[in-house]
Amino acid sequence: MNLHFTKPLNRGLIGGCLILASLIGSVRQARAAADLQIGYSGGCHESIGVTTVARSAVLALLPADYGARYGFGGFGSTPGPSEAQIIIRSVACGNASLGSLALGSVVNSQIGVITARRDAEDFDAIPDNGIDNFQLEFATTSAEIAAAMGAFGMPATLDTDLSLVFSGDNVNNDSSPLFTATGSHAGTAVAWPGGFIAHWWSPNATGDIRSRQVIQAIDFRFGGGLTISAGSSGPLLGLLGAAPVQVQVPLGGSFADGPVTLSIPAAPGPIPFAGAAAALAWSRRLRRRLRH
C-alpha cells in the first residue's frame, strides 16, 4: 500500500473567498450552536508517537493551575513524578469538511501533553477507549480549518507543506518546522473494540476549549518503530533536544470516519482522587494490551 497525502496551496482569489466564507460561517455556527463541526473521512491514516520528557521542561509551556486541573497521565506506562508524556500525532484524510463546506484532502499535525483526566474514557464508557491531551501545537494544510479554529479560539497554524507518506509498513512524516518523523508501523492491524475518543484541550479566557474526535471504528498497529526529530520552531526542540529521538510507543491507526467537535465547556475542575487512580489503572490495562 502506498499512500501519499499532501495539499499544496494554489487557490488565488477563489481560495481567499472560500476562506472568508468558511470563517464567517464558522463564527456564526459557533455563536449559534456553541460548537464547531469539522468532518474527517475518506480513509484516514495516522502516525502517533508517545515518549517521556522532563516534567520541568513541560511545565514552562502549561498554565499555572495545570497540575490541579489536568495532571500528568500516560499511554502504555505511567510517568514518574519528575516526568511527563507527550504525544506527537499526524493524520491524513482523503476528505475533510467544515460544516457543509467540502474541503478535499487534508493533513494535520499536533503535539500535546497526555493528561490524567479520563473525560473521554468516561464519555465512551469502555475502558481504554479514550484519551485526554492538552494541546501545545496544531498545524494543518487546510486554510479553511486553520481560519475556523482560530476564529473559535483554538490556535491553529496553516502549513501547506505538511506531508504524510505511507509505503507498506513504512511512514515518512514531514511536519517541519514542528518536527519530522520516519520509521514504520508494523504488525497486524487490530480492530479496537468500541472505537476511540480523543480529547485535545486548549486554554481560553471564556473556558477551556475541547476538541473531541469520535471514531466509531479504528484499527491500530502497535509494532515497528518511529524516530522523531524536533524542528526549528515549536515546543519539541526544548523538550526533545536537537538529536533524533526514538519514541517509546509508536502507534499507527486507520479509520474511515472521525468527526471533530470543538466546544467551550466549563473549565475542568480539580482531578478527583478516584479519577487519578483510574488513570493509573488505565495505563496498566493498556500496557497489558500492548504486550499481546
Protein backbone atom coordinates (compact mmCIF):
# COMPACT_ATOMS: atom_id res chain seq x y z
CA MET A 1 0.00 0.00 0.00
CA ASN A 2 1.39 3.37 -1.00
CA LEU A 3 -0.37 6.46 0.29
CA HIS A 4 0.88 9.98 -0.21
CA PHE A 5 -1.03 12.87 1.29
CA THR A 6 -0.05 16.45 0.55
CA LYS A 7 -2.01 19.57 -0.25
CA PRO A 8 -0.26 22.46 -1.99
CA LEU A 9 -1.81 25.92 -1.73
CA ASN A 10 -2.84 27.12 -5.19
CA ARG A 11 -6.17 28.86 -4.84
CA GLY A 12 -5.80 32.54 -5.60
CA LEU A 13 -8.88 34.69 -5.37
CA ILE A 14 -11.29 31.72 -5.18
CA GLY A 15 -9.38 30.28 -2.24
CA GLY A 16 -9.44 33.62 -0.46
CA CYS A 17 -13.19 33.83 -0.86
CA LEU A 18 -13.63 30.30 0.45
CA ILE A 19 -11.51 31.07 3.48
CA LEU A 20 -13.52 34.19 4.24
CA ALA A 21 -16.83 32.41 3.72
CA SER A 22 -15.84 29.47 5.89
CA LEU A 23 -14.54 31.78 8.60
CA ILE A 24 -17.77 33.80 8.66
CA GLY A 25 -19.83 30.62 8.64
CA SER A 26 -17.76 29.12 11.44
CA VAL A 27 -18.14 32.19 13.65
CA ARG A 28 -21.89 32.21 13.06
CA GLN A 29 -22.09 28.50 13.83
CA ALA A 30 -20.04 28.90 17.00
CA ARG A 31 -22.22 31.75 18.22
CA ALA A 32 -25.47 29.94 17.42
CA ALA A 33 -24.63 26.40 18.49
CA ALA A 34 -21.64 26.93 20.84
CA ASP A 35 -19.60 24.40 18.88
CA LEU A 36 -17.76 23.91 15.62
CA GLN A 37 -18.02 20.78 13.48
CA ILE A 38 -15.12 19.52 11.36
CA GLY A 39 -15.50 16.32 9.38
CA TYR A 40 -12.68 13.90 8.59
CA SER A 41 -13.36 10.93 6.31
CA GLY A 42 -12.29 9.30 3.06
CA GLY A 43 -9.85 6.80 4.54
CA CYS A 44 -7.82 8.41 7.33
CA HIS A 45 -4.35 7.19 8.33
CA GLU A 46 -2.48 8.41 11.39
CA SER A 47 1.03 8.13 12.77
CA ILE A 48 1.48 8.62 16.51
CA GLY A 49 4.49 8.68 18.80
CA VAL A 50 4.42 8.82 22.59
CA THR A 51 7.53 9.48 24.63
CA THR A 52 8.62 10.66 28.08
CA VAL A 53 10.24 14.04 28.74
CA ALA A 54 11.25 16.06 31.81
CA ARG A 55 8.19 17.46 33.57
CA SER A 56 10.08 20.65 34.46
CA ALA A 57 10.52 21.44 30.76
CA VAL A 58 6.83 20.84 30.04
CA LEU A 59 5.59 22.98 32.94
CA ALA A 60 7.01 26.10 31.30
CA LEU A 61 4.52 25.57 28.43
CA LEU A 62 1.44 25.00 30.61
CA PRO A 63 -0.99 27.15 32.64
CA ALA A 64 -0.13 27.67 36.29
CA ASP A 65 -3.04 25.52 37.51
CA TYR A 66 -2.46 22.72 35.02
CA GLY A 67 -1.35 20.19 37.63
CA ALA A 68 -4.52 20.53 39.69
CA ARG A 69 -6.97 20.52 36.78
CA TYR A 70 -5.34 18.14 34.29
CA GLY A 71 -2.48 16.28 35.89
CA PHE A 72 0.04 14.06 34.13
CA GLY A 73 -1.04 10.74 32.67
CA GLY A 74 0.47 8.09 30.46
CA PHE A 75 -0.24 5.94 27.42
CA GLY A 76 1.02 2.41 27.92
CA SER A 77 3.01 3.40 31.00
CA THR A 78 2.73 5.81 33.92
CA PRO A 79 5.16 8.74 34.08
CA GLY A 80 7.20 9.22 37.24
CA PRO A 81 6.89 12.28 39.49
CA SER A 82 9.53 14.20 37.52
CA GLU A 83 8.30 13.04 34.10
CA ALA A 84 5.58 13.85 31.60
CA GLN A 85 4.46 12.03 28.48
CA ILE A 86 3.94 13.89 25.24
CA ILE A 87 2.01 12.73 22.20
CA ILE A 88 3.02 13.64 18.64
CA ARG A 89 0.37 12.86 16.02
CA SER A 90 -0.15 13.38 12.32
CA VAL A 91 -3.23 12.29 10.39
CA ALA A 92 -4.10 12.39 6.71
CA CYS A 93 -7.66 12.08 5.40
CA GLY A 94 -8.98 11.92 1.86
CA ASN A 95 -11.88 14.21 2.68
CA ALA A 96 -12.45 16.99 5.18
CA SER A 97 -15.40 19.30 5.67
CA LEU A 98 -16.26 22.40 7.62
CA GLY A 99 -19.97 22.38 8.27
CA SER A 100 -21.44 21.90 4.80
CA LEU A 101 -18.28 23.06 3.01
CA ALA A 102 -16.27 20.22 1.41
CA LEU A 103 -12.51 20.82 1.62
CA GLY A 104 -10.90 17.80 -0.05
CA SER A 105 -7.83 16.05 1.34
CA VAL A 106 -6.07 17.34 4.44
CA VAL A 107 -3.05 16.64 6.64
CA ASN A 108 -2.99 17.70 10.31
CA SER A 109 -0.17 17.54 12.85
CA GLN A 110 -0.46 18.16 16.58
CA ILE A 111 1.61 17.97 19.74
CA GLY A 112 0.22 17.60 23.24
CA VAL A 113 0.77 16.53 26.82
CA ILE A 114 -1.08 13.40 27.97
CA THR A 115 -3.21 14.33 30.97
CA ALA A 116 -4.51 12.27 33.88
CA ARG A 117 -8.10 13.22 33.07
CA ARG A 118 -10.43 10.47 31.86
CA ASP A 119 -13.32 12.54 30.47
CA ALA A 120 -13.06 10.88 27.05
CA GLU A 121 -12.96 7.38 28.51
CA ASP A 122 -15.94 8.13 30.78
CA PHE A 123 -17.86 9.51 27.81
CA ASP A 124 -17.17 6.37 25.80
CA ALA A 125 -17.95 4.17 28.82
CA ILE A 126 -15.49 1.49 27.63
CA PRO A 127 -12.13 1.07 29.41
CA ASP A 128 -9.04 2.03 27.36
CA ASN A 129 -11.16 3.74 24.67
CA GLY A 130 -10.40 7.37 25.36
CA ILE A 131 -7.57 9.81 26.00
CA ASP A 132 -7.40 13.46 27.13
CA ASN A 133 -4.46 15.53 25.86
CA PHE A 134 -3.51 19.16 26.45
CA GLN A 135 -2.67 20.64 23.07
CA LEU A 136 0.59 22.54 22.56
CA GLU A 137 0.61 22.90 18.77
CA PHE A 138 -1.73 22.25 15.84
CA ALA A 139 -0.90 22.66 12.15
CA THR A 140 -3.00 21.88 9.08
CA THR A 141 -2.79 22.06 5.30
CA SER A 142 -6.34 23.47 5.19
CA ALA A 143 -6.59 27.25 5.22
CA GLU A 144 -10.29 26.95 6.00
CA ILE A 145 -9.77 24.72 9.04
CA ALA A 146 -6.95 26.93 10.36
CA ALA A 147 -9.11 30.05 9.99
CA ALA A 148 -12.19 28.45 11.56
CA MET A 149 -10.28 27.06 14.55
CA GLY A 150 -8.54 30.38 15.08
CA ALA A 151 -11.86 32.23 14.99
CA PHE A 152 -13.24 29.79 17.54
CA GLY A 153 -10.31 30.46 19.87
CA MET A 154 -8.13 27.36 19.42
CA PRO A 155 -4.76 28.30 17.86
CA ALA A 156 -4.02 26.61 14.53
CA THR A 157 -1.17 27.18 12.08
CA LEU A 158 -1.59 26.95 8.31
CA ASP A 159 1.23 24.90 6.78
CA THR A 160 0.56 23.75 3.24
CA ASP A 161 3.82 21.78 3.10
CA LEU A 162 2.82 19.11 5.63
CA SER A 163 3.05 15.62 4.19
CA LEU A 164 2.40 12.11 5.47
CA VAL A 165 3.60 9.29 3.22
CA PHE A 166 2.85 5.60 3.84
CA SER A 167 4.59 2.87 1.86
CA GLY A 168 3.70 -0.55 3.16
CA ASP A 169 4.65 -0.53 6.84
CA ASN A 170 6.94 2.48 6.41
CA VAL A 171 5.97 6.05 7.16
CA ASN A 172 7.62 9.37 6.35
CA ASN A 173 6.16 12.42 8.04
CA ASP A 174 7.37 15.92 7.17
CA SER A 175 5.73 18.27 9.67
CA SER A 176 8.59 20.77 9.72
CA PRO A 177 9.20 23.28 11.16
CA LEU A 178 7.46 21.46 14.08
CA PHE A 179 9.07 18.04 13.54
CA THR A 180 9.89 15.26 11.10
CA ALA A 181 9.30 11.56 11.71
CA THR A 182 10.43 8.40 9.95
CA GLY A 183 10.01 4.72 10.71
CA SER A 184 7.34 2.07 10.47
CA HIS A 185 4.02 0.96 11.93
CA ALA A 186 4.23 -2.79 11.59
CA GLY A 187 2.29 -5.80 12.73
CA THR A 188 -1.25 -6.99 12.23
CA ALA A 189 -3.90 -4.30 12.30
CA VAL A 190 -6.03 -4.75 15.45
CA ALA A 191 -9.63 -3.60 15.42
CA TRP A 192 -10.03 -1.66 18.68
CA PRO A 193 -13.31 -2.77 20.32
CA GLY A 194 -15.77 0.09 20.64
CA GLY A 195 -13.75 2.65 18.68
CA PHE A 196 -11.89 5.52 20.30
CA ILE A 197 -12.49 9.07 21.55
CA ALA A 198 -9.70 11.65 21.75
CA HIS A 199 -9.97 14.98 23.56
CA TRP A 200 -7.49 17.76 22.90
CA TRP A 201 -7.79 20.68 25.33
CA SER A 202 -6.67 24.28 24.76
CA PRO A 203 -6.82 27.22 27.21
CA ASN A 204 -9.26 30.06 26.57
CA ALA A 205 -10.33 33.05 28.65
CA THR A 206 -14.02 32.09 28.47
CA GLY A 207 -13.44 28.42 29.36
CA ASP A 208 -11.04 25.80 28.08
CA ILE A 209 -11.78 24.64 24.53
CA ARG A 210 -12.21 20.94 23.99
CA SER A 211 -11.67 19.29 20.61
CA ARG A 212 -13.45 15.92 20.70
CA GLN A 213 -12.87 13.38 17.94
CA VAL A 214 -15.24 10.42 17.98
CA ILE A 215 -14.05 7.44 15.92
CA GLN A 216 -16.62 4.67 15.81
CA ALA A 217 -14.26 2.04 14.35
CA ILE A 218 -10.46 2.12 14.22
CA ASP A 219 -7.61 -0.31 13.55
CA PHE A 220 -4.31 0.09 15.41
CA ARG A 221 -0.86 -1.31 14.67
CA PHE A 222 1.49 -1.50 17.65
CA GLY A 223 4.70 -2.79 16.03
CA GLY A 224 7.58 -1.07 14.29
CA GLY A 225 9.48 1.98 15.46
CA LEU A 226 9.29 5.74 14.99
CA THR A 227 12.09 8.30 15.20
CA ILE A 228 11.17 11.96 15.64
CA SER A 229 13.41 14.95 15.09
CA ALA A 230 12.39 18.31 16.52
CA GLY A 231 12.05 21.13 14.04
CA SER A 232 13.45 24.63 14.17
CA SER A 233 10.38 26.08 15.91
CA GLY A 234 7.70 24.91 18.31
CA PRO A 235 7.91 23.20 21.70
CA LEU A 236 9.64 19.95 20.68
CA LEU A 237 13.09 21.47 20.33
CA GLY A 238 13.08 22.40 24.01
CA LEU A 239 11.52 19.08 25.07
CA LEU A 240 13.46 16.59 22.92
CA GLY A 241 16.62 18.49 22.01
CA ALA A 242 18.24 18.59 18.59
CA ALA A 243 19.14 14.89 18.33
CA PRO A 244 16.62 12.41 16.83
CA VAL A 245 14.59 10.51 19.44
CA GLN A 246 13.09 7.04 19.08
CA VAL A 247 9.69 7.23 20.73
CA GLN A 248 8.71 4.72 23.40
CA VAL A 249 5.28 3.94 21.93
CA PRO A 250 4.81 4.04 18.13
CA LEU A 251 1.21 3.69 17.05
CA GLY A 252 -0.32 3.53 13.59
CA GLY A 253 -4.05 3.89 13.07
CA SER A 254 -6.58 3.84 10.27
CA PHE A 255 -10.25 4.75 10.27
CA ALA A 256 -12.97 5.62 7.78
CA ASP A 257 -14.63 8.49 9.60
CA GLY A 258 -13.74 10.61 12.64
CA PRO A 259 -15.69 13.87 13.06
CA VAL A 260 -14.37 16.53 15.42
CA THR A 261 -16.45 18.87 17.58
CA LEU A 262 -14.90 21.97 19.13
CA SER A 263 -16.78 23.29 22.15
CA ILE A 264 -16.22 25.50 25.18
CA PRO A 265 -17.41 23.51 28.19
CA ALA A 266 -16.88 24.59 31.76
CA ALA A 267 -13.19 24.50 32.55
CA PRO A 268 -12.23 21.13 34.05
CA GLY A 269 -12.25 21.17 37.83
CA PRO A 270 -9.69 19.50 40.09
CA ILE A 271 -8.97 15.88 39.33
CA PRO A 272 -10.73 13.71 41.91
CA PHE A 273 -8.57 11.13 43.68
CA ALA A 274 -10.65 8.32 42.15
CA GLY A 275 -10.03 9.77 38.70
CA ALA A 276 -6.28 9.85 39.23
CA ALA A 277 -6.30 6.25 40.48
CA ALA A 278 -8.39 5.21 37.47
CA ALA A 279 -5.88 6.86 35.17
CA LEU A 280 -3.12 4.69 36.65
CA ALA A 281 -5.25 1.59 36.19
CA TRP A 282 -5.93 2.69 32.58
CA SER A 283 -2.19 2.77 31.91
CA ARG A 284 -1.72 -0.69 33.37
CA ARG A 285 -4.55 -2.16 31.28
CA LEU A 286 -3.24 -0.58 28.11
CA ARG A 287 0.29 -1.76 28.86
CA ARG A 288 -1.01 -5.31 29.08
CA ARG A 289 -2.74 -4.92 25.69
CA LEU A 290 0.41 -3.54 24.09
CA ARG A 291 2.35 -6.67 25.10
CA HIS A 292 -0.11 -9.04 23.37
